[in-house]
PDB file of N, CA and C in Angstrom:
ATOM      1  N   MET A   1     -38.295 -10.021 -12.422  1.00  0.00           N
ATOM      2  CA  MET A   1     -37.629 -10.615 -13.562  1.00  0.00           C
ATOM      3  C   MET A   1     -38.644 -10.780 -14.694  1.00  0.00           C
ATOM      4  N   TYR A   2     -38.197 -10.569 -15.913  1.00  0.00           N
ATOM      5  CA  TYR A   2     -39.051 -10.656 -17.088  1.00  0.00           C
ATOM      6  C   TYR A   2     -38.401 -11.534 -18.149  1.00  0.00           C
ATOM      7  N   LYS A   3     -39.234 -12.120 -18.981  1.00  0.00           N
ATOM      8  CA  LYS A   3     -38.735 -12.956 -20.069  1.00  0.00           C
ATOM      9  C   LYS A   3     -39.388 -12.504 -21.372  1.00  0.00           C
ATOM     10  N   ILE A   4     -38.600 -12.482 -22.438  1.00  0.00           N
ATOM     11  CA  ILE A   4     -39.111 -12.156 -23.754  1.00  0.00           C
ATOM     12  C   ILE A   4     -39.513 -13.449 -24.446  1.00  0.00           C
ATOM     13  N   GLU A   5     -40.759 -13.499 -24.884  1.00  0.00           N
ATOM     14  CA  GLU A   5     -41.231 -14.602 -25.715  1.00  0.00           C
ATOM     15  C   GLU A   5     -41.368 -14.039 -27.121  1.00  0.00           C
ATOM     16  N   PHE A   6     -40.721 -14.685 -28.073  1.00  0.00           N
ATOM     17  CA  PHE A   6     -40.580 -14.133 -29.413  1.00  0.00           C
ATOM     18  C   PHE A   6     -40.754 -15.241 -30.448  1.00  0.00           C
ATOM     19  N   LEU A   7     -41.689 -15.085 -31.339  1.00  0.00           N
ATOM     20  CA  LEU A   7     -41.944 -16.079 -32.390  1.00  0.00           C
ATOM     21  C   LEU A   7     -41.100 -15.730 -33.615  1.00  0.00           C
ATOM     22  N   ARG A   8     -39.830 -16.055 -33.553  1.00  0.00           N
ATOM     23  CA  ARG A   8     -38.871 -15.642 -34.567  1.00  0.00           C
ATOM     24  C   ARG A   8     -39.209 -16.142 -35.966  1.00  0.00           C
ATOM     25  N   ASP A   9     -39.796 -17.307 -36.083  1.00  0.00           N
ATOM     26  CA  ASP A   9     -40.137 -17.849 -37.405  1.00  0.00           C
ATOM     27  C   ASP A   9     -41.180 -16.992 -38.118  1.00  0.00           C
ATOM     28  N   LYS A  10     -41.923 -16.164 -37.377  1.00  0.00           N
ATOM     29  CA  LYS A  10     -42.934 -15.282 -37.969  1.00  0.00           C
ATOM     30  C   LYS A  10     -42.403 -13.866 -38.195  1.00  0.00           C
ATOM     31  N   CYS A  11     -41.146 -13.627 -37.860  1.00  0.00           N
ATOM     32  CA  CYS A  11     -40.532 -12.292 -37.992  1.00  0.00           C
ATOM     33  C   CYS A  11     -40.435 -11.898 -39.464  1.00  0.00           C
ATOM     34  N   LEU A  12     -40.836 -10.657 -39.756  1.00  0.00           N
ATOM     35  CA  LEU A  12     -40.756 -10.116 -41.111  1.00  0.00           C
ATOM     36  C   LEU A  12     -39.372  -9.522 -41.416  1.00  0.00           C
ATOM     37  N   GLY A  13     -38.611  -9.233 -40.368  1.00  0.00           N
ATOM     38  CA  GLY A  13     -37.303  -8.603 -40.557  1.00  0.00           C
ATOM     39  C   GLY A  13     -37.397  -7.124 -40.848  1.00  0.00           C
ATOM     40  N   CYS A  14     -38.502  -6.490 -40.462  1.00  0.00           N
ATOM     41  CA  CYS A  14     -38.694  -5.067 -40.747  1.00  0.00           C
ATOM     42  C   CYS A  14     -37.792  -4.177 -39.894  1.00  0.00           C
ATOM     43  N   GLY A  15     -37.403  -4.658 -38.719  1.00  0.00           N
ATOM     44  CA  GLY A  15     -36.500  -3.905 -37.858  1.00  0.00           C
ATOM     45  C   GLY A  15     -37.155  -2.878 -36.962  1.00  0.00           C
ATOM     46  N   ALA A  16     -38.474  -2.839 -36.925  1.00  0.00           N
ATOM     47  CA  ALA A  16     -39.159  -1.864 -36.072  1.00  0.00           C
ATOM     48  C   ALA A  16     -38.724  -1.993 -34.609  1.00  0.00           C
ATOM     49  N   CYS A  17     -38.513  -3.207 -34.154  1.00  0.00           N
ATOM     50  CA  CYS A  17     -38.146  -3.445 -32.752  1.00  0.00           C
ATOM     51  C   CYS A  17     -36.735  -2.964 -32.414  1.00  0.00           C
ATOM     52  N   THR A  18     -35.922  -2.708 -33.427  1.00  0.00           N
ATOM     53  CA  THR A  18     -34.543  -2.284 -33.153  1.00  0.00           C
ATOM     54  C   THR A  18     -34.463  -0.862 -32.610  1.00  0.00           C
ATOM     55  N   LEU A  19     -35.613  -0.197 -32.454  1.00  0.00           N
ATOM     56  CA  LEU A  19     -35.606   1.080 -31.751  1.00  0.00           C
ATOM     57  C   LEU A  19     -35.141   0.862 -30.312  1.00  0.00           C
ATOM     58  N   CYS A  20     -35.244  -0.379 -29.852  1.00  0.00           N
ATOM     59  CA  CYS A  20     -34.745  -0.780 -28.533  1.00  0.00           C
ATOM     60  C   CYS A  20     -33.370  -1.416 -28.714  1.00  0.00           C
ATOM     61  N   ASP A  21     -32.413  -0.990 -27.930  1.00  0.00           N
ATOM     62  CA  ASP A  21     -31.037  -1.482 -28.092  1.00  0.00           C
ATOM     63  C   ASP A  21     -30.851  -2.945 -27.711  1.00  0.00           C
ATOM     64  N   ASN A  22     -31.881  -3.598 -27.194  1.00  0.00           N
ATOM     65  CA  ASN A  22     -31.787  -5.029 -26.888  1.00  0.00           C
ATOM     66  C   ASN A  22     -32.068  -5.899 -28.116  1.00  0.00           C
ATOM     67  N   TRP A  23     -32.461  -5.299 -29.224  1.00  0.00           N
ATOM     68  CA  TRP A  23     -32.818  -6.040 -30.429  1.00  0.00           C
ATOM     69  C   TRP A  23     -31.805  -5.761 -31.526  1.00  0.00           C
ATOM     70  N   GLU A  24     -31.443  -6.826 -32.246  1.00  0.00           N
ATOM     71  CA  GLU A  24     -30.451  -6.692 -33.307  1.00  0.00           C
ATOM     72  C   GLU A  24     -30.794  -7.619 -34.471  1.00  0.00           C
ATOM     73  N   PHE A  25     -30.262  -7.297 -35.641  1.00  0.00           N
ATOM     74  CA  PHE A  25     -30.436  -8.157 -36.811  1.00  0.00           C
ATOM     75  C   PHE A  25     -29.470  -9.329 -36.733  1.00  0.00           C
ATOM     76  N   ALA A  26     -29.946 -10.494 -37.110  1.00  0.00           N
ATOM     77  CA  ALA A  26     -29.114 -11.696 -37.196  1.00  0.00           C
ATOM     78  C   ALA A  26     -28.662 -11.860 -38.646  1.00  0.00           C
ATOM     79  N   ASP A  27     -27.811 -12.814 -38.895  1.00  0.00           N
ATOM     80  CA  ASP A  27     -27.267 -13.044 -40.230  1.00  0.00           C
ATOM     81  C   ASP A  27     -28.335 -13.392 -41.269  1.00  0.00           C
ATOM     82  N   ASP A  28     -29.459 -13.934 -40.833  1.00  0.00           N
ATOM     83  CA  ASP A  28     -30.515 -14.329 -41.772  1.00  0.00           C
ATOM     84  C   ASP A  28     -31.484 -13.196 -42.109  1.00  0.00           C
ATOM     85  N   GLY A  29     -31.225 -12.000 -41.593  1.00  0.00           N
ATOM     86  CA  GLY A  29     -32.072 -10.852 -41.895  1.00  0.00           C
ATOM     87  C   GLY A  29     -33.233 -10.644 -40.943  1.00  0.00           C
ATOM     88  N   LYS A  30     -33.424 -11.577 -40.032  1.00  0.00           N
ATOM     89  CA  LYS A  30     -34.464 -11.428 -39.017  1.00  0.00           C
ATOM     90  C   LYS A  30     -33.828 -10.809 -37.772  1.00  0.00           C
ATOM     91  N   VAL A  31     -34.663 -10.398 -36.849  1.00  0.00           N
ATOM     92  CA  VAL A  31     -34.137  -9.810 -35.619  1.00  0.00           C
ATOM     93  C   VAL A  31     -34.197 -10.809 -34.474  1.00  0.00           C
ATOM     94  N   LYS A  32     -33.473 -10.473 -33.428  1.00  0.00           N
ATOM     95  CA  LYS A  32     -33.474 -11.310 -32.227  1.00  0.00           C
ATOM     96  C   LYS A  32     -33.101 -10.441 -31.039  1.00  0.00           C
ATOM     97  N   PRO A  33     -33.562 -10.833 -29.852  1.00  0.00           N
ATOM     98  CA  PRO A  33     -33.159 -10.083 -28.664  1.00  0.00           C
ATOM     99  C   PRO A  33     -31.739 -10.481 -28.255  1.00  0.00           C
ATOM    100  N   LYS A  34     -30.988  -9.523 -27.762  1.00  0.00           N
ATOM    101  CA  LYS A  34     -29.646  -9.815 -27.248  1.00  0.00           C
ATOM    102  C   LYS A  34     -29.761 -10.586 -25.937  1.00  0.00           C
ATOM    103  N   GLN A  35     -30.772 -10.238 -25.139  1.00  0.00           N
ATOM    104  CA  GLN A  35     -31.031 -10.932 -23.876  1.00  0.00           C
ATOM    105  C   GLN A  35     -32.505 -11.315 -23.829  1.00  0.00           C
ATOM    106  N   ASN A  36     -32.788 -12.543 -23.393  1.00  0.00           N
ATOM    107  CA  ASN A  36     -34.172 -13.004 -23.265  1.00  0.00           C
ATOM    108  C   ASN A  36     -34.732 -12.812 -21.869  1.00  0.00           C
ATOM    109  N   GLU A  37     -33.858 -12.804 -20.870  1.00  0.00           N
ATOM    110  CA  GLU A  37     -34.316 -12.610 -19.494  1.00  0.00           C
ATOM    111  C   GLU A  37     -33.774 -11.284 -18.998  1.00  0.00           C
ATOM    112  N   LEU A  38     -34.668 -10.478 -18.415  1.00  0.00           N
ATOM    113  CA  LEU A  38     -34.340  -9.112 -18.036  1.00  0.00           C
ATOM    114  C   LEU A  38     -34.797  -8.813 -16.619  1.00  0.00           C
ATOM    115  N   SER A  39     -34.060  -7.983 -15.938  1.00  0.00           N
ATOM    116  CA  SER A  39     -34.493  -7.534 -14.617  1.00  0.00           C
ATOM    117  C   SER A  39     -35.423  -6.327 -14.741  1.00  0.00           C
ATOM    118  N   ASP A  40     -35.342  -5.623 -15.873  1.00  0.00           N
ATOM    119  CA  ASP A  40     -36.167  -4.449 -16.133  1.00  0.00           C
ATOM    120  C   ASP A  40     -36.678  -4.532 -17.576  1.00  0.00           C
ATOM    121  N   ILE A  41     -37.932  -4.232 -17.797  1.00  0.00           N
ATOM    122  CA  ILE A  41     -38.506  -4.300 -19.143  1.00  0.00           C
ATOM    123  C   ILE A  41     -37.823  -3.319 -20.084  1.00  0.00           C
ATOM    124  N   GLY A  42     -37.523  -2.133 -19.576  1.00  0.00           N
ATOM    125  CA  GLY A  42     -36.878  -1.114 -20.388  1.00  0.00           C
ATOM    126  C   GLY A  42     -37.659  -0.824 -21.663  1.00  0.00           C
ATOM    127  N   CYS A  43     -36.958  -0.669 -22.758  1.00  0.00           N
ATOM    128  CA  CYS A  43     -37.584  -0.332 -24.042  1.00  0.00           C
ATOM    129  C   CYS A  43     -38.183  -1.544 -24.747  1.00  0.00           C
ATOM    130  N   ASN A  44     -38.038  -2.736 -24.194  1.00  0.00           N
ATOM    131  CA  ASN A  44     -38.573  -3.942 -24.831  1.00  0.00           C
ATOM    132  C   ASN A  44     -40.092  -3.906 -24.956  1.00  0.00           C
ATOM    133  N   ASP A  45     -40.750  -3.237 -24.032  1.00  0.00           N
ATOM    134  CA  ASP A  45     -42.200  -3.091 -24.114  1.00  0.00           C
ATOM    135  C   ASP A  45     -42.576  -2.289 -25.354  1.00  0.00           C
ATOM    136  N   GLN A  46     -41.820  -1.249 -25.628  1.00  0.00           N
ATOM    137  CA  GLN A  46     -42.065  -0.438 -26.814  1.00  0.00           C
ATOM    138  C   GLN A  46     -41.786  -1.245 -28.091  1.00  0.00           C
ATOM    139  N   ALA A  47     -40.740  -2.068 -28.064  1.00  0.00           N
ATOM    140  CA  ALA A  47     -40.425  -2.923 -29.206  1.00  0.00           C
ATOM    141  C   ALA A  47     -41.596  -3.863 -29.494  1.00  0.00           C
ATOM    142  N   ALA A  48     -42.195  -4.405 -28.443  1.00  0.00           N
ATOM    143  CA  ALA A  48     -43.344  -5.298 -28.611  1.00  0.00           C
ATOM    144  C   ALA A  48     -44.536  -4.553 -29.207  1.00  0.00           C
ATOM    145  N   GLN A  49     -44.730  -3.318 -28.800  1.00  0.00           N
ATOM    146  CA  GLN A  49     -45.869  -2.532 -29.279  1.00  0.00           C
ATOM    147  C   GLN A  49     -45.737  -2.137 -30.750  1.00  0.00           C
ATOM    148  N   VAL A  50     -44.524  -1.874 -31.216  1.00  0.00           N
ATOM    149  CA  VAL A  50     -44.352  -1.427 -32.605  1.00  0.00           C
ATOM    150  C   VAL A  50     -44.220  -2.573 -33.598  1.00  0.00           C
ATOM    151  N   CYS A  51     -44.098  -3.786 -33.123  1.00  0.00           N
ATOM    152  CA  CYS A  51     -43.968  -4.945 -34.019  1.00  0.00           C
ATOM    153  C   CYS A  51     -45.236  -5.077 -34.862  1.00  0.00           C
ATOM    154  N   PRO A  52     -45.119  -5.008 -36.197  1.00  0.00           N
ATOM    155  CA  PRO A  52     -46.317  -5.043 -37.031  1.00  0.00           C
ATOM    156  C   PRO A  52     -47.044  -6.394 -37.023  1.00  0.00           C
ATOM    157  N   VAL A  53     -46.355  -7.469 -36.652  1.00  0.00           N
ATOM    158  CA  VAL A  53     -47.005  -8.782 -36.611  1.00  0.00           C
ATOM    159  C   VAL A  53     -47.240  -9.268 -35.182  1.00  0.00           C
ATOM    160  N   GLN A  54     -46.945  -8.412 -34.205  1.00  0.00           N
ATOM    161  CA  GLN A  54     -47.244  -8.671 -32.789  1.00  0.00           C
ATOM    162  C   GLN A  54     -46.730 -10.023 -32.309  1.00  0.00           C
ATOM    163  N   ILE A  55     -45.440 -10.300 -32.536  1.00  0.00           N
ATOM    164  CA  ILE A  55     -44.865 -11.585 -32.157  1.00  0.00           C
ATOM    165  C   ILE A  55     -43.937 -11.515 -30.947  1.00  0.00           C
ATOM    166  N   ILE A  56     -43.896 -10.334 -30.307  1.00  0.00           N
ATOM    167  CA  ILE A  56     -43.047 -10.151 -29.121  1.00  0.00           C
ATOM    168  C   ILE A  56     -43.953  -9.998 -27.901  1.00  0.00           C
ATOM    169  N   LYS A  57     -43.684 -10.801 -26.887  1.00  0.00           N
ATOM    170  CA  LYS A  57     -44.410 -10.688 -25.617  1.00  0.00           C
ATOM    171  C   LYS A  57     -43.395 -10.610 -24.496  1.00  0.00           C
ATOM    172  N   ILE A  58     -43.698  -9.783 -23.512  1.00  0.00           N
ATOM    173  CA  ILE A  58     -42.877  -9.682 -22.314  1.00  0.00           C
ATOM    174  C   ILE A  58     -43.712 -10.252 -21.162  1.00  0.00           C
ATOM    175  N   VAL A  59     -43.183 -11.295 -20.525  1.00  0.00           N
ATOM    176  CA  VAL A  59     -43.915 -11.916 -19.421  1.00  0.00           C
ATOM    177  C   VAL A  59     -43.110 -11.775 -18.126  1.00  0.00           C
ATOM    178  N   GLU A  60     -43.836 -11.564 -17.051  1.00  0.00           N
ATOM    179  CA  GLU A  60     -43.204 -11.452 -15.737  1.00  0.00           C
ATOM    180  C   GLU A  60     -42.997 -12.846 -15.184  1.00  0.00           C
ATOM    181  N   LEU A  61     -41.799 -13.106 -14.688  1.00  0.00           N
ATOM    182  CA  LEU A  61     -41.489 -14.416 -14.109  1.00  0.00           C
ATOM    183  C   LEU A  61     -41.794 -14.437 -12.631  1.00  0.00           C
TER     184      LEU A  61
END
């Protein structure tokens, strides 16, 4: 099991992480994960790597 730790207040809203289908834009123009707890990392690791402000972390539970 994995958990996404995301510092949303530092999000630039660039959308780089939306290359992963677990990430979407919210009404305020910032992004957010659709699911925070995952059984498989999937593309979320790539979303964390492309984030220009490095505010996405995937931790194993």
